[in-house]
Amino acid sequence: MSDRKTVWSSEQGIGALPAQLRGFGLMHVAMRRDAARLRAAAARSASPAALADWFGRLRAVIDWHHHSEDEILWPYLRRQVAGFDGGGVLEQDHEELERAMGRVAQLLGAGRGTELPAAAAGFEELIREHLGHEEPVVFPALADLPVDEYLRVERRIIQSAPTQVMTYLQPWMFDGADQASVRAVSATIPAPVRLLGRTVLERRYRRVLAPVL
C-alpha cells in the first residue's frame, strides 16, 4: 500500500515513481515537454503549416490518454480504491484541454500564426495545471493496486489506443527520457514492438518532429 502522504510528481522526472507507474509518468513528462515545444515554436513564428501535422499527432495522443482515463481508469479506481474521488475535476480539466487543443488546431489550419503564441501559452498552462491536479490524487491510488492488477488495467488502456496513437506512442514517450526510465518502461513492451519503436517508428517520429525543432 502507498503512503497517502507521499506526493509523487513527474515534474522532475519519474525516478521516484513505483516501477509499474513509470510508463504513465513518461506520458505526463512528454505532454509537458511538447506543450513547451509548441509555445517555443509559436514564439519564434514557426510556420503553422509545418506545425500542423506534428500537433495533430500530439492532440491524438492526448485525446486518447484522456478518454481512456475517463472511460476506463477513473471508473476502475472508483470501484477498486476506497476514497478515490478524483475523476470529476479531472474530467472537467480534460474538457478544457480539448477546447484549448481545438483552438490551437483551428489557428494552425487557418495559418493564423499571429494568434498562435497566446493559444499555445494557454494550452501549456492548462496542461501543467491539470497534471498538478491529477498526479497527487492518481499516482497514490494506482500505487495502492497490486502490481498485477495495475498491469491488467494498463493493458486495457493500451489496447484501446487507435493505430495512429500506437505507432507514435513509444518514440514519443521515450524522446529525451533518461536511459534508466527507458529501460524500466521498455521491459513491459514486447520485444518485436520495442524493436519497431526503435527503428521504423523512431525515424517516422523524427521526421514529424523536425519542423518543431
N, C-alpha and C. Protein backbone atom coordinates (compact mmCIF):
# COMPACT_ATOMS: atom_id res chain seq x y z
N MET A 1 0.83 -1.20 0.00
CA MET A 1 0.00 0.00 0.00
C MET A 1 0.87 1.25 0.00
N SER A 2 0.41 2.29 -0.67
CA SER A 2 1.19 3.52 -0.71
C SER A 2 0.93 4.34 0.55
N ASP A 3 1.88 5.21 0.85
CA ASP A 3 1.68 6.20 1.90
C ASP A 3 0.98 7.38 1.26
N ARG A 4 -0.28 7.63 1.66
CA ARG A 4 -1.06 8.69 1.01
C ARG A 4 -0.49 10.07 1.27
N LYS A 5 0.48 10.19 2.20
CA LYS A 5 1.13 11.48 2.43
C LYS A 5 2.23 11.73 1.40
N THR A 6 2.65 10.67 0.71
CA THR A 6 3.68 10.82 -0.31
C THR A 6 3.10 11.60 -1.48
N VAL A 7 3.82 12.61 -1.96
CA VAL A 7 3.40 13.37 -3.13
C VAL A 7 4.32 13.00 -4.28
N TRP A 8 3.78 12.21 -5.20
CA TRP A 8 4.54 11.83 -6.39
C TRP A 8 4.19 12.78 -7.52
N SER A 9 5.21 13.16 -8.27
CA SER A 9 5.01 14.04 -9.41
C SER A 9 6.02 13.67 -10.48
N SER A 10 5.62 13.84 -11.73
CA SER A 10 6.56 13.62 -12.83
C SER A 10 7.22 14.93 -13.27
N GLU A 11 6.98 15.99 -12.51
CA GLU A 11 7.51 17.31 -12.88
C GLU A 11 9.03 17.29 -13.02
N GLN A 12 9.70 16.56 -12.13
CA GLN A 12 11.16 16.49 -12.15
C GLN A 12 11.65 15.12 -12.63
N GLY A 13 10.82 14.40 -13.38
CA GLY A 13 11.18 13.08 -13.86
C GLY A 13 10.40 12.00 -13.14
N ILE A 14 10.67 10.75 -13.48
CA ILE A 14 9.85 9.66 -12.97
C ILE A 14 10.60 8.71 -12.04
N GLY A 15 11.84 9.06 -11.68
CA GLY A 15 12.66 8.15 -10.89
C GLY A 15 12.08 7.79 -9.54
N ALA A 16 11.27 8.67 -8.95
CA ALA A 16 10.71 8.40 -7.62
C ALA A 16 9.42 7.57 -7.69
N LEU A 17 8.86 7.39 -8.89
CA LEU A 17 7.61 6.65 -9.01
C LEU A 17 7.85 5.16 -8.84
N PRO A 18 6.86 4.42 -8.32
CA PRO A 18 6.96 2.96 -8.35
C PRO A 18 7.17 2.49 -9.79
N ALA A 19 7.93 1.42 -9.95
CA ALA A 19 8.35 0.98 -11.28
C ALA A 19 7.18 0.80 -12.23
N GLN A 20 6.06 0.25 -11.74
CA GLN A 20 4.94 -0.04 -12.64
C GLN A 20 4.25 1.22 -13.16
N LEU A 21 4.48 2.36 -12.51
CA LEU A 21 3.82 3.61 -12.92
C LEU A 21 4.68 4.46 -13.84
N ARG A 22 5.86 3.99 -14.19
CA ARG A 22 6.77 4.87 -14.92
C ARG A 22 6.34 5.12 -16.36
N GLY A 23 5.68 4.17 -16.99
CA GLY A 23 5.15 4.44 -18.32
C GLY A 23 4.09 5.54 -18.29
N PHE A 24 3.21 5.47 -17.31
CA PHE A 24 2.19 6.50 -17.11
C PHE A 24 2.87 7.85 -16.88
N GLY A 25 3.91 7.85 -16.03
CA GLY A 25 4.63 9.09 -15.75
C GLY A 25 5.31 9.66 -16.97
N LEU A 26 5.88 8.80 -17.82
CA LEU A 26 6.55 9.29 -19.03
C LEU A 26 5.58 10.00 -19.96
N MET A 27 4.33 9.54 -20.00
CA MET A 27 3.35 10.24 -20.84
C MET A 27 3.15 11.66 -20.34
N HIS A 28 3.10 11.83 -19.03
CA HIS A 28 2.93 13.18 -18.49
C HIS A 28 4.15 14.05 -18.76
N VAL A 29 5.33 13.48 -18.63
CA VAL A 29 6.56 14.22 -18.96
C VAL A 29 6.51 14.68 -20.41
N ALA A 30 6.08 13.78 -21.31
CA ALA A 30 6.03 14.10 -22.74
C ALA A 30 5.00 15.18 -23.04
N MET A 31 3.89 15.18 -22.32
CA MET A 31 2.89 16.24 -22.53
C MET A 31 3.44 17.60 -22.15
N ARG A 32 4.10 17.69 -21.00
CA ARG A 32 4.69 18.98 -20.61
C ARG A 32 5.75 19.41 -21.62
N ARG A 33 6.59 18.46 -22.03
CA ARG A 33 7.67 18.77 -22.98
C ARG A 33 7.10 19.33 -24.28
N ASP A 34 6.07 18.68 -24.82
CA ASP A 34 5.57 19.11 -26.12
C ASP A 34 4.72 20.37 -26.02
N ALA A 35 4.07 20.60 -24.89
CA ALA A 35 3.39 21.88 -24.71
C ALA A 35 4.40 23.01 -24.72
N ALA A 36 5.57 22.79 -24.09
CA ALA A 36 6.63 23.80 -24.10
C ALA A 36 7.20 23.97 -25.51
N ARG A 37 7.33 22.87 -26.25
CA ARG A 37 7.82 22.97 -27.63
C ARG A 37 6.88 23.78 -28.51
N LEU A 38 5.58 23.55 -28.33
CA LEU A 38 4.61 24.31 -29.11
C LEU A 38 4.72 25.79 -28.79
N ARG A 39 4.79 26.12 -27.51
CA ARG A 39 4.91 27.53 -27.12
C ARG A 39 6.16 28.15 -27.72
N ALA A 40 7.29 27.44 -27.68
CA ALA A 40 8.54 27.97 -28.22
C ALA A 40 8.46 28.14 -29.74
N ALA A 41 7.87 27.17 -30.42
CA ALA A 41 7.75 27.27 -31.88
C ALA A 41 6.84 28.42 -32.27
N ALA A 42 5.76 28.61 -31.53
CA ALA A 42 4.85 29.72 -31.82
C ALA A 42 5.53 31.06 -31.58
N ALA A 43 6.34 31.15 -30.53
CA ALA A 43 7.02 32.40 -30.21
C ALA A 43 8.03 32.80 -31.27
N ARG A 44 8.63 31.82 -31.92
CA ARG A 44 9.60 32.16 -32.97
C ARG A 44 8.97 32.18 -34.36
N SER A 45 7.64 32.17 -34.39
CA SER A 45 6.87 32.30 -35.63
C SER A 45 7.14 31.17 -36.60
N ALA A 46 7.25 29.95 -36.09
CA ALA A 46 7.36 28.80 -36.97
C ALA A 46 6.11 28.70 -37.83
N SER A 47 6.26 28.14 -39.02
CA SER A 47 5.15 28.05 -39.96
C SER A 47 4.01 27.22 -39.38
N PRO A 48 2.79 27.77 -39.32
CA PRO A 48 1.66 26.97 -38.85
C PRO A 48 1.47 25.70 -39.65
N ALA A 49 1.68 25.78 -40.98
CA ALA A 49 1.50 24.59 -41.81
C ALA A 49 2.50 23.51 -41.43
N ALA A 50 3.73 23.91 -41.09
CA ALA A 50 4.76 22.94 -40.72
C ALA A 50 4.47 22.30 -39.37
N LEU A 51 3.79 23.02 -38.50
CA LEU A 51 3.47 22.50 -37.17
C LEU A 51 2.21 21.64 -37.15
N ALA A 52 1.38 21.78 -38.16
CA ALA A 52 0.04 21.19 -38.09
C ALA A 52 0.07 19.67 -37.97
N ASP A 53 0.90 18.99 -38.76
CA ASP A 53 0.93 17.53 -38.72
C ASP A 53 1.41 17.05 -37.35
N TRP A 54 2.49 17.66 -36.85
CA TRP A 54 3.02 17.29 -35.54
C TRP A 54 1.98 17.50 -34.45
N PHE A 55 1.32 18.67 -34.45
CA PHE A 55 0.36 18.94 -33.40
C PHE A 55 -0.84 17.99 -33.50
N GLY A 56 -1.24 17.65 -34.71
CA GLY A 56 -2.34 16.71 -34.87
C GLY A 56 -2.04 15.37 -34.22
N ARG A 57 -0.79 14.93 -34.31
CA ARG A 57 -0.42 13.66 -33.68
C ARG A 57 -0.37 13.79 -32.16
N LEU A 58 0.17 14.92 -31.69
CA LEU A 58 0.17 15.16 -30.25
C LEU A 58 -1.26 15.21 -29.71
N ARG A 59 -2.12 15.90 -30.41
CA ARG A 59 -3.51 16.00 -29.96
C ARG A 59 -4.17 14.63 -29.92
N ALA A 60 -3.89 13.79 -30.91
CA ALA A 60 -4.48 12.44 -30.93
C ALA A 60 -4.04 11.62 -29.72
N VAL A 61 -2.76 11.73 -29.35
CA VAL A 61 -2.26 11.00 -28.19
C VAL A 61 -2.94 11.50 -26.91
N ILE A 62 -3.01 12.82 -26.75
CA ILE A 62 -3.61 13.37 -25.54
C ILE A 62 -5.10 13.05 -25.48
N ASP A 63 -5.80 13.14 -26.62
CA ASP A 63 -7.21 12.78 -26.65
C ASP A 63 -7.42 11.34 -26.19
N TRP A 64 -6.62 10.43 -26.75
CA TRP A 64 -6.74 9.02 -26.35
C TRP A 64 -6.44 8.84 -24.88
N HIS A 65 -5.37 9.47 -24.40
CA HIS A 65 -4.98 9.33 -22.99
C HIS A 65 -6.12 9.78 -22.08
N HIS A 66 -6.72 10.91 -22.41
CA HIS A 66 -7.78 11.44 -21.56
C HIS A 66 -9.06 10.62 -21.66
N HIS A 67 -9.43 10.19 -22.86
CA HIS A 67 -10.64 9.37 -22.98
C HIS A 67 -10.46 8.03 -22.29
N SER A 68 -9.26 7.46 -22.35
CA SER A 68 -9.03 6.18 -21.67
C SER A 68 -9.10 6.36 -20.15
N GLU A 69 -8.69 7.51 -19.66
CA GLU A 69 -8.84 7.78 -18.23
C GLU A 69 -10.33 7.91 -17.87
N ASP A 70 -11.05 8.74 -18.63
CA ASP A 70 -12.45 8.98 -18.32
C ASP A 70 -13.30 7.71 -18.43
N GLU A 71 -13.00 6.88 -19.41
CA GLU A 71 -13.86 5.73 -19.72
C GLU A 71 -13.40 4.43 -19.06
N ILE A 72 -12.11 4.32 -18.76
CA ILE A 72 -11.59 3.07 -18.21
C ILE A 72 -11.01 3.28 -16.81
N LEU A 73 -10.07 4.22 -16.67
CA LEU A 73 -9.30 4.29 -15.44
C LEU A 73 -10.07 4.85 -14.26
N TRP A 74 -10.75 5.99 -14.46
CA TRP A 74 -11.46 6.58 -13.31
C TRP A 74 -12.57 5.64 -12.81
N PRO A 75 -13.40 5.06 -13.68
CA PRO A 75 -14.40 4.12 -13.17
C PRO A 75 -13.77 2.93 -12.43
N TYR A 76 -12.66 2.44 -12.95
CA TYR A 76 -11.97 1.32 -12.30
C TYR A 76 -11.50 1.73 -10.90
N LEU A 77 -10.88 2.91 -10.79
CA LEU A 77 -10.37 3.35 -9.49
C LEU A 77 -11.50 3.61 -8.51
N ARG A 78 -12.62 4.10 -8.99
CA ARG A 78 -13.76 4.31 -8.08
C ARG A 78 -14.25 2.98 -7.50
N ARG A 79 -14.16 1.92 -8.29
CA ARG A 79 -14.59 0.61 -7.80
C ARG A 79 -13.56 -0.03 -6.88
N GLN A 80 -12.28 0.19 -7.16
CA GLN A 80 -11.23 -0.59 -6.52
C GLN A 80 -10.52 0.11 -5.37
N VAL A 81 -10.50 1.43 -5.36
CA VAL A 81 -9.69 2.16 -4.37
C VAL A 81 -10.62 2.99 -3.49
N ALA A 82 -10.69 2.63 -2.23
CA ALA A 82 -11.55 3.35 -1.29
C ALA A 82 -11.14 4.81 -1.21
N GLY A 83 -12.13 5.69 -1.34
CA GLY A 83 -11.86 7.11 -1.18
C GLY A 83 -11.39 7.81 -2.44
N PHE A 84 -11.24 7.07 -3.55
CA PHE A 84 -10.83 7.77 -4.78
C PHE A 84 -11.97 8.64 -5.26
N ASP A 85 -11.69 9.93 -5.42
CA ASP A 85 -12.73 10.87 -5.81
C ASP A 85 -12.15 11.93 -6.73
N GLY A 86 -11.22 11.50 -7.61
CA GLY A 86 -10.53 12.48 -8.44
C GLY A 86 -11.12 12.68 -9.81
N GLY A 87 -12.05 11.80 -10.23
CA GLY A 87 -12.48 11.84 -11.62
C GLY A 87 -13.18 13.11 -12.04
N GLY A 88 -14.05 13.67 -11.18
CA GLY A 88 -14.88 14.80 -11.61
C GLY A 88 -14.08 16.00 -12.07
N VAL A 89 -13.19 16.50 -11.22
CA VAL A 89 -12.41 17.68 -11.60
C VAL A 89 -11.48 17.36 -12.75
N LEU A 90 -10.98 16.14 -12.81
CA LEU A 90 -10.07 15.77 -13.89
C LEU A 90 -10.80 15.69 -15.22
N GLU A 91 -12.03 15.21 -15.21
CA GLU A 91 -12.84 15.20 -16.43
C GLU A 91 -13.11 16.63 -16.90
N GLN A 92 -13.35 17.54 -15.97
CA GLN A 92 -13.53 18.95 -16.35
C GLN A 92 -12.25 19.51 -16.97
N ASP A 93 -11.12 19.16 -16.39
CA ASP A 93 -9.83 19.58 -16.97
C ASP A 93 -9.70 19.07 -18.39
N HIS A 94 -10.07 17.81 -18.61
CA HIS A 94 -9.96 17.23 -19.94
C HIS A 94 -10.80 18.01 -20.95
N GLU A 95 -11.98 18.44 -20.54
CA GLU A 95 -12.84 19.22 -21.44
C GLU A 95 -12.19 20.56 -21.77
N GLU A 96 -11.59 21.20 -20.77
CA GLU A 96 -10.92 22.48 -21.02
C GLU A 96 -9.73 22.29 -21.97
N LEU A 97 -9.00 21.22 -21.76
CA LEU A 97 -7.84 20.96 -22.63
C LEU A 97 -8.28 20.65 -24.05
N GLU A 98 -9.39 19.95 -24.22
CA GLU A 98 -9.88 19.67 -25.56
C GLU A 98 -10.23 20.97 -26.27
N ARG A 99 -10.86 21.90 -25.56
CA ARG A 99 -11.16 23.20 -26.17
C ARG A 99 -9.89 23.94 -26.54
N ALA A 100 -8.89 23.89 -25.66
CA ALA A 100 -7.62 24.58 -25.94
C ALA A 100 -6.91 23.96 -27.13
N MET A 101 -6.91 22.63 -27.22
CA MET A 101 -6.29 21.98 -28.37
C MET A 101 -7.05 22.27 -29.66
N GLY A 102 -8.37 22.33 -29.55
CA GLY A 102 -9.17 22.68 -30.72
C GLY A 102 -8.84 24.07 -31.23
N ARG A 103 -8.62 25.00 -30.31
CA ARG A 103 -8.26 26.37 -30.69
C ARG A 103 -6.91 26.39 -31.39
N VAL A 104 -5.93 25.68 -30.85
CA VAL A 104 -4.61 25.62 -31.50
C VAL A 104 -4.73 25.02 -32.89
N ALA A 105 -5.45 23.91 -33.01
CA ALA A 105 -5.60 23.26 -34.32
C ALA A 105 -6.30 24.18 -35.32
N GLN A 106 -7.30 24.92 -34.85
CA GLN A 106 -8.01 25.86 -35.72
C GLN A 106 -7.05 26.93 -36.25
N LEU A 107 -6.22 27.48 -35.38
CA LEU A 107 -5.28 28.52 -35.80
C LEU A 107 -4.24 27.96 -36.76
N LEU A 108 -3.75 26.75 -36.50
CA LEU A 108 -2.77 26.14 -37.39
C LEU A 108 -3.38 25.88 -38.76
N GLY A 109 -4.61 25.38 -38.77
CA GLY A 109 -5.27 25.08 -40.03
C GLY A 109 -5.55 26.32 -40.86
N ALA A 110 -5.81 27.42 -40.17
CA ALA A 110 -6.12 28.68 -40.87
C ALA A 110 -4.87 29.50 -41.16
N GLY A 111 -3.70 29.03 -40.70
CA GLY A 111 -2.46 29.78 -40.94
C GLY A 111 -2.39 31.09 -40.17
N ARG A 112 -3.07 31.17 -39.03
CA ARG A 112 -3.15 32.43 -38.27
C ARG A 112 -2.06 32.44 -37.19
N GLY A 113 -0.82 32.58 -37.65
CA GLY A 113 0.33 32.48 -36.76
C GLY A 113 0.41 33.57 -35.72
N THR A 114 -0.15 34.75 -36.00
CA THR A 114 -0.03 35.84 -35.03
C THR A 114 -0.84 35.58 -33.77
N GLU A 115 -1.88 34.76 -33.86
CA GLU A 115 -2.70 34.44 -32.69
C GLU A 115 -2.21 33.18 -31.97
N LEU A 116 -1.26 32.49 -32.59
CA LEU A 116 -0.84 31.20 -32.05
C LEU A 116 -0.09 31.30 -30.72
N PRO A 117 0.81 32.28 -30.50
CA PRO A 117 1.54 32.30 -29.23
C PRO A 117 0.64 32.31 -28.00
N ALA A 118 -0.43 33.11 -28.03
CA ALA A 118 -1.31 33.16 -26.87
C ALA A 118 -2.04 31.84 -26.67
N ALA A 119 -2.49 31.22 -27.77
CA ALA A 119 -3.19 29.94 -27.66
C ALA A 119 -2.24 28.85 -27.17
N ALA A 120 -1.01 28.86 -27.65
CA ALA A 120 -0.02 27.86 -27.23
C ALA A 120 0.32 28.04 -25.75
N ALA A 121 0.49 29.27 -25.31
CA ALA A 121 0.79 29.53 -23.90
C ALA A 121 -0.37 29.09 -23.01
N GLY A 122 -1.59 29.33 -23.46
CA GLY A 122 -2.74 28.91 -22.69
C GLY A 122 -2.84 27.39 -22.59
N PHE A 123 -2.54 26.72 -23.67
CA PHE A 123 -2.54 25.25 -23.67
C PHE A 123 -1.48 24.71 -22.71
N GLU A 124 -0.28 25.27 -22.75
CA GLU A 124 0.76 24.80 -21.83
C GLU A 124 0.35 25.03 -20.38
N GLU A 125 -0.21 26.17 -20.09
CA GLU A 125 -0.63 26.46 -18.72
C GLU A 125 -1.67 25.45 -18.24
N LEU A 126 -2.63 25.13 -19.12
CA LEU A 126 -3.67 24.16 -18.74
C LEU A 126 -3.09 22.77 -18.52
N ILE A 127 -2.15 22.36 -19.38
CA ILE A 127 -1.52 21.04 -19.21
C ILE A 127 -0.85 20.96 -17.84
N ARG A 128 -0.08 21.98 -17.51
CA ARG A 128 0.65 21.96 -16.24
C ARG A 128 -0.32 21.99 -15.05
N GLU A 129 -1.35 22.79 -15.13
CA GLU A 129 -2.34 22.84 -14.05
C GLU A 129 -3.04 21.49 -13.90
N HIS A 130 -3.42 20.89 -15.03
CA HIS A 130 -4.13 19.62 -14.98
C HIS A 130 -3.27 18.53 -14.35
N LEU A 131 -2.02 18.43 -14.76
CA LEU A 131 -1.15 17.39 -14.19
C LEU A 131 -0.88 17.67 -12.71
N GLY A 132 -0.86 18.94 -12.33
CA GLY A 132 -0.74 19.28 -10.92
C GLY A 132 -1.95 18.85 -10.12
N HIS A 133 -3.13 18.84 -10.75
CA HIS A 133 -4.34 18.32 -10.08
C HIS A 133 -4.31 16.79 -10.03
N GLU A 134 -3.89 16.19 -11.14
CA GLU A 134 -4.05 14.74 -11.31
C GLU A 134 -3.05 13.92 -10.51
N GLU A 135 -1.79 14.24 -10.61
CA GLU A 135 -0.77 13.33 -10.10
C GLU A 135 -0.85 13.10 -8.59
N PRO A 136 -1.09 14.12 -7.77
CA PRO A 136 -1.15 13.85 -6.33
C PRO A 136 -2.33 12.95 -5.93
N VAL A 137 -3.36 12.88 -6.77
CA VAL A 137 -4.52 12.05 -6.48
C VAL A 137 -4.39 10.67 -7.11
N VAL A 138 -3.94 10.63 -8.36
CA VAL A 138 -3.99 9.40 -9.13
C VAL A 138 -2.80 8.49 -8.86
N PHE A 139 -1.60 9.04 -8.77
CA PHE A 139 -0.44 8.18 -8.55
C PHE A 139 -0.56 7.36 -7.26
N PRO A 140 -0.94 7.96 -6.11
CA PRO A 140 -1.10 7.13 -4.91
C PRO A 140 -2.20 6.08 -5.06
N ALA A 141 -3.30 6.44 -5.75
CA ALA A 141 -4.38 5.46 -5.95
C ALA A 141 -3.90 4.29 -6.79
N LEU A 142 -3.14 4.56 -7.84
CA LEU A 142 -2.61 3.48 -8.68
C LEU A 142 -1.60 2.65 -7.92
N ALA A 143 -0.80 3.30 -7.09
CA ALA A 143 0.20 2.56 -6.31
C ALA A 143 -0.44 1.66 -5.27
N ASP A 144 -1.69 1.94 -4.88
CA ASP A 144 -2.41 1.09 -3.94
C ASP A 144 -2.85 -0.24 -4.56
N LEU A 145 -2.89 -0.29 -5.89
CA LEU A 145 -3.30 -1.52 -6.55
C LEU A 145 -2.18 -2.55 -6.51
N PRO A 146 -2.50 -3.83 -6.36
CA PRO A 146 -1.48 -4.85 -6.59
C PRO A 146 -0.90 -4.68 -7.99
N VAL A 147 0.39 -4.93 -8.13
CA VAL A 147 1.07 -4.66 -9.41
C VAL A 147 0.40 -5.40 -10.56
N ASP A 148 0.02 -6.66 -10.36
CA ASP A 148 -0.58 -7.40 -11.47
C ASP A 148 -1.92 -6.82 -11.87
N GLU A 149 -2.67 -6.29 -10.90
CA GLU A 149 -3.95 -5.64 -11.23
C GLU A 149 -3.70 -4.35 -12.02
N TYR A 150 -2.73 -3.58 -11.56
CA TYR A 150 -2.42 -2.35 -12.30
C TYR A 150 -2.02 -2.67 -13.74
N LEU A 151 -1.17 -3.67 -13.92
CA LEU A 151 -0.71 -4.02 -15.26
C LEU A 151 -1.86 -4.49 -16.14
N ARG A 152 -2.85 -5.15 -15.54
CA ARG A 152 -4.02 -5.57 -16.33
C ARG A 152 -4.81 -4.36 -16.83
N VAL A 153 -5.04 -3.40 -15.95
CA VAL A 153 -5.81 -2.23 -16.40
C VAL A 153 -4.98 -1.40 -17.36
N GLU A 154 -3.66 -1.36 -17.17
CA GLU A 154 -2.81 -0.64 -18.13
C GLU A 154 -2.90 -1.29 -19.51
N ARG A 155 -2.93 -2.63 -19.56
CA ARG A 155 -3.06 -3.30 -20.86
C ARG A 155 -4.39 -2.95 -21.53
N ARG A 156 -5.46 -2.88 -20.74
CA ARG A 156 -6.75 -2.48 -21.31
C ARG A 156 -6.66 -1.09 -21.93
N ILE A 157 -5.98 -0.20 -21.24
CA ILE A 157 -5.84 1.17 -21.74
C ILE A 157 -5.03 1.19 -23.04
N ILE A 158 -3.91 0.49 -23.06
CA ILE A 158 -3.07 0.45 -24.26
C ILE A 158 -3.83 -0.16 -25.42
N GLN A 159 -4.60 -1.22 -25.15
CA GLN A 159 -5.35 -1.88 -26.22
C GLN A 159 -6.45 -0.99 -26.79
N SER A 160 -6.84 0.04 -26.06
CA SER A 160 -7.88 0.95 -26.55
C SER A 160 -7.32 2.01 -27.51
N ALA A 161 -5.99 2.06 -27.65
CA ALA A 161 -5.38 3.11 -28.48
C ALA A 161 -5.61 2.83 -29.96
N PRO A 162 -6.01 3.85 -30.73
CA PRO A 162 -6.11 3.67 -32.19
C PRO A 162 -4.73 3.51 -32.81
N THR A 163 -4.70 3.01 -34.04
CA THR A 163 -3.43 2.74 -34.72
C THR A 163 -2.55 3.98 -34.80
N GLN A 164 -3.15 5.14 -35.11
CA GLN A 164 -2.37 6.37 -35.22
C GLN A 164 -1.61 6.66 -33.92
N VAL A 165 -2.22 6.37 -32.80
CA VAL A 165 -1.58 6.60 -31.50
C VAL A 165 -0.53 5.52 -31.24
N MET A 166 -0.86 4.27 -31.48
CA MET A 166 0.06 3.17 -31.20
C MET A 166 1.37 3.31 -31.96
N THR A 167 1.31 3.82 -33.19
CA THR A 167 2.52 3.95 -33.98
C THR A 167 3.33 5.19 -33.64
N TYR A 168 2.82 6.01 -32.75
CA TYR A 168 3.51 7.24 -32.33
C TYR A 168 3.96 7.16 -30.88
N LEU A 169 3.30 6.33 -30.10
CA LEU A 169 3.39 6.38 -28.64
C LEU A 169 4.80 6.09 -28.12
N GLN A 170 5.43 5.02 -28.58
CA GLN A 170 6.71 4.63 -28.00
C GLN A 170 7.81 5.67 -28.21
N PRO A 171 8.09 6.10 -29.45
CA PRO A 171 9.13 7.13 -29.60
C PRO A 171 8.77 8.44 -28.94
N TRP A 172 7.49 8.76 -28.90
CA TRP A 172 7.04 10.00 -28.23
C TRP A 172 7.34 9.95 -26.74
N MET A 173 7.01 8.83 -26.09
CA MET A 173 7.26 8.68 -24.66
C MET A 173 8.75 8.72 -24.34
N PHE A 174 9.56 8.11 -25.18
CA PHE A 174 10.99 7.95 -24.87
C PHE A 174 11.83 9.14 -25.31
N ASP A 175 11.26 10.08 -26.02
CA ASP A 175 12.00 11.24 -26.50
C ASP A 175 12.54 12.05 -25.31
N GLY A 176 13.86 12.06 -25.15
CA GLY A 176 14.50 12.84 -24.09
C GLY A 176 14.50 12.17 -22.74
N ALA A 177 13.91 10.97 -22.62
CA ALA A 177 13.86 10.29 -21.32
C ALA A 177 15.23 9.73 -20.96
N ASP A 178 15.53 9.68 -19.66
CA ASP A 178 16.81 9.10 -19.23
C ASP A 178 16.79 7.59 -19.48
N GLN A 179 17.98 7.02 -19.63
CA GLN A 179 18.08 5.62 -20.02
C GLN A 179 17.51 4.67 -18.97
N ALA A 180 17.63 5.01 -17.70
CA ALA A 180 17.06 4.14 -16.67
C ALA A 180 15.54 4.05 -16.82
N SER A 181 14.90 5.19 -17.12
CA SER A 181 13.46 5.19 -17.31
C SER A 181 13.08 4.42 -18.57
N VAL A 182 13.85 4.61 -19.64
CA VAL A 182 13.58 3.89 -20.88
C VAL A 182 13.68 2.39 -20.66
N ARG A 183 14.72 1.97 -19.94
CA ARG A 183 14.88 0.53 -19.69
C ARG A 183 13.72 -0.02 -18.86
N ALA A 184 13.31 0.73 -17.85
CA ALA A 184 12.23 0.26 -16.97
C ALA A 184 10.93 0.10 -17.75
N VAL A 185 10.61 1.07 -18.59
CA VAL A 185 9.36 1.00 -19.33
C VAL A 185 9.47 0.01 -20.49
N SER A 186 10.62 -0.06 -21.12
CA SER A 186 10.82 -0.99 -22.24
C SER A 186 10.61 -2.43 -21.81
N ALA A 187 10.91 -2.72 -20.56
CA ALA A 187 10.77 -4.09 -20.07
C ALA A 187 9.32 -4.58 -20.12
N THR A 188 8.36 -3.66 -20.17
CA THR A 188 6.94 -4.03 -20.23
C THR A 188 6.43 -4.12 -21.67
N ILE A 189 7.27 -3.83 -22.66
CA ILE A 189 6.86 -3.81 -24.07
C ILE A 189 7.37 -5.07 -24.75
N PRO A 190 6.54 -5.80 -25.50
CA PRO A 190 7.01 -6.99 -26.20
C PRO A 190 8.20 -6.67 -27.10
N ALA A 191 9.16 -7.59 -27.18
CA ALA A 191 10.41 -7.33 -27.92
C ALA A 191 10.18 -6.90 -29.36
N PRO A 192 9.30 -7.53 -30.14
CA PRO A 192 9.12 -7.08 -31.53
C PRO A 192 8.60 -5.64 -31.62
N VAL A 193 7.69 -5.28 -30.70
CA VAL A 193 7.16 -3.92 -30.68
C VAL A 193 8.25 -2.94 -30.28
N ARG A 194 9.07 -3.33 -29.32
CA ARG A 194 10.19 -2.50 -28.87
C ARG A 194 11.14 -2.22 -30.03
N LEU A 195 11.46 -3.26 -30.82
CA LEU A 195 12.36 -3.10 -31.96
C LEU A 195 11.76 -2.17 -33.00
N LEU A 196 10.49 -2.36 -33.30
CA LEU A 196 9.82 -1.49 -34.28
C LEU A 196 9.85 -0.04 -33.81
N GLY A 197 9.64 0.16 -32.52
CA GLY A 197 9.65 1.52 -31.97
C GLY A 197 11.00 2.19 -32.09
N ARG A 198 12.08 1.40 -31.95
CA ARG A 198 13.43 1.97 -32.00
C ARG A 198 13.91 2.23 -33.42
N THR A 199 13.25 1.68 -34.41
CA THR A 199 13.73 1.75 -35.80
C THR A 199 12.75 2.53 -36.67
N VAL A 200 11.81 1.83 -37.28
CA VAL A 200 10.90 2.45 -38.24
C VAL A 200 10.11 3.59 -37.61
N LEU A 201 9.52 3.33 -36.44
CA LEU A 201 8.66 4.35 -35.83
C LEU A 201 9.47 5.53 -35.31
N GLU A 202 10.69 5.27 -34.83
CA GLU A 202 11.55 6.37 -34.39
C GLU A 202 11.91 7.28 -35.55
N ARG A 203 12.24 6.72 -36.71
CA ARG A 203 12.58 7.55 -37.88
C ARG A 203 11.38 8.38 -38.32
N ARG A 204 10.21 7.76 -38.33
CA ARG A 204 9.00 8.49 -38.71
C ARG A 204 8.72 9.62 -37.71
N TYR A 205 8.87 9.32 -36.44
CA TYR A 205 8.65 10.32 -35.39
C TYR A 205 9.57 11.52 -35.58
N ARG A 206 10.84 11.27 -35.88
CA ARG A 206 11.80 12.36 -36.06
C ARG A 206 11.46 13.22 -37.25
N ARG A 207 10.95 12.62 -38.31
CA ARG A 207 10.56 13.42 -39.49
C ARG A 207 9.40 14.35 -39.14
N VAL A 208 8.44 13.85 -38.38
CA VAL A 208 7.29 14.68 -38.00
C VAL A 208 7.72 15.79 -37.05
N LEU A 209 8.66 15.50 -36.17
CA LEU A 209 9.09 16.45 -35.16
C LEU A 209 9.99 17.56 -35.72
N ALA A 210 10.69 17.28 -36.81
CA ALA A 210 11.73 18.21 -37.31
C ALA A 210 11.25 19.66 -37.46
N PRO A 211 10.05 19.93 -38.02
CA PRO A 211 9.65 21.33 -38.16
C PRO A 211 9.49 22.07 -36.82
N VAL A 212 9.24 21.33 -35.76
CA VAL A 212 9.02 21.95 -34.45
C VAL A 212 10.35 22.40 -33.86
N LEU A 213 11.39 21.63 -34.10
CA LEU A 213 12.70 21.91 -33.52
C LEU A 213 13.49 22.91 -34.35
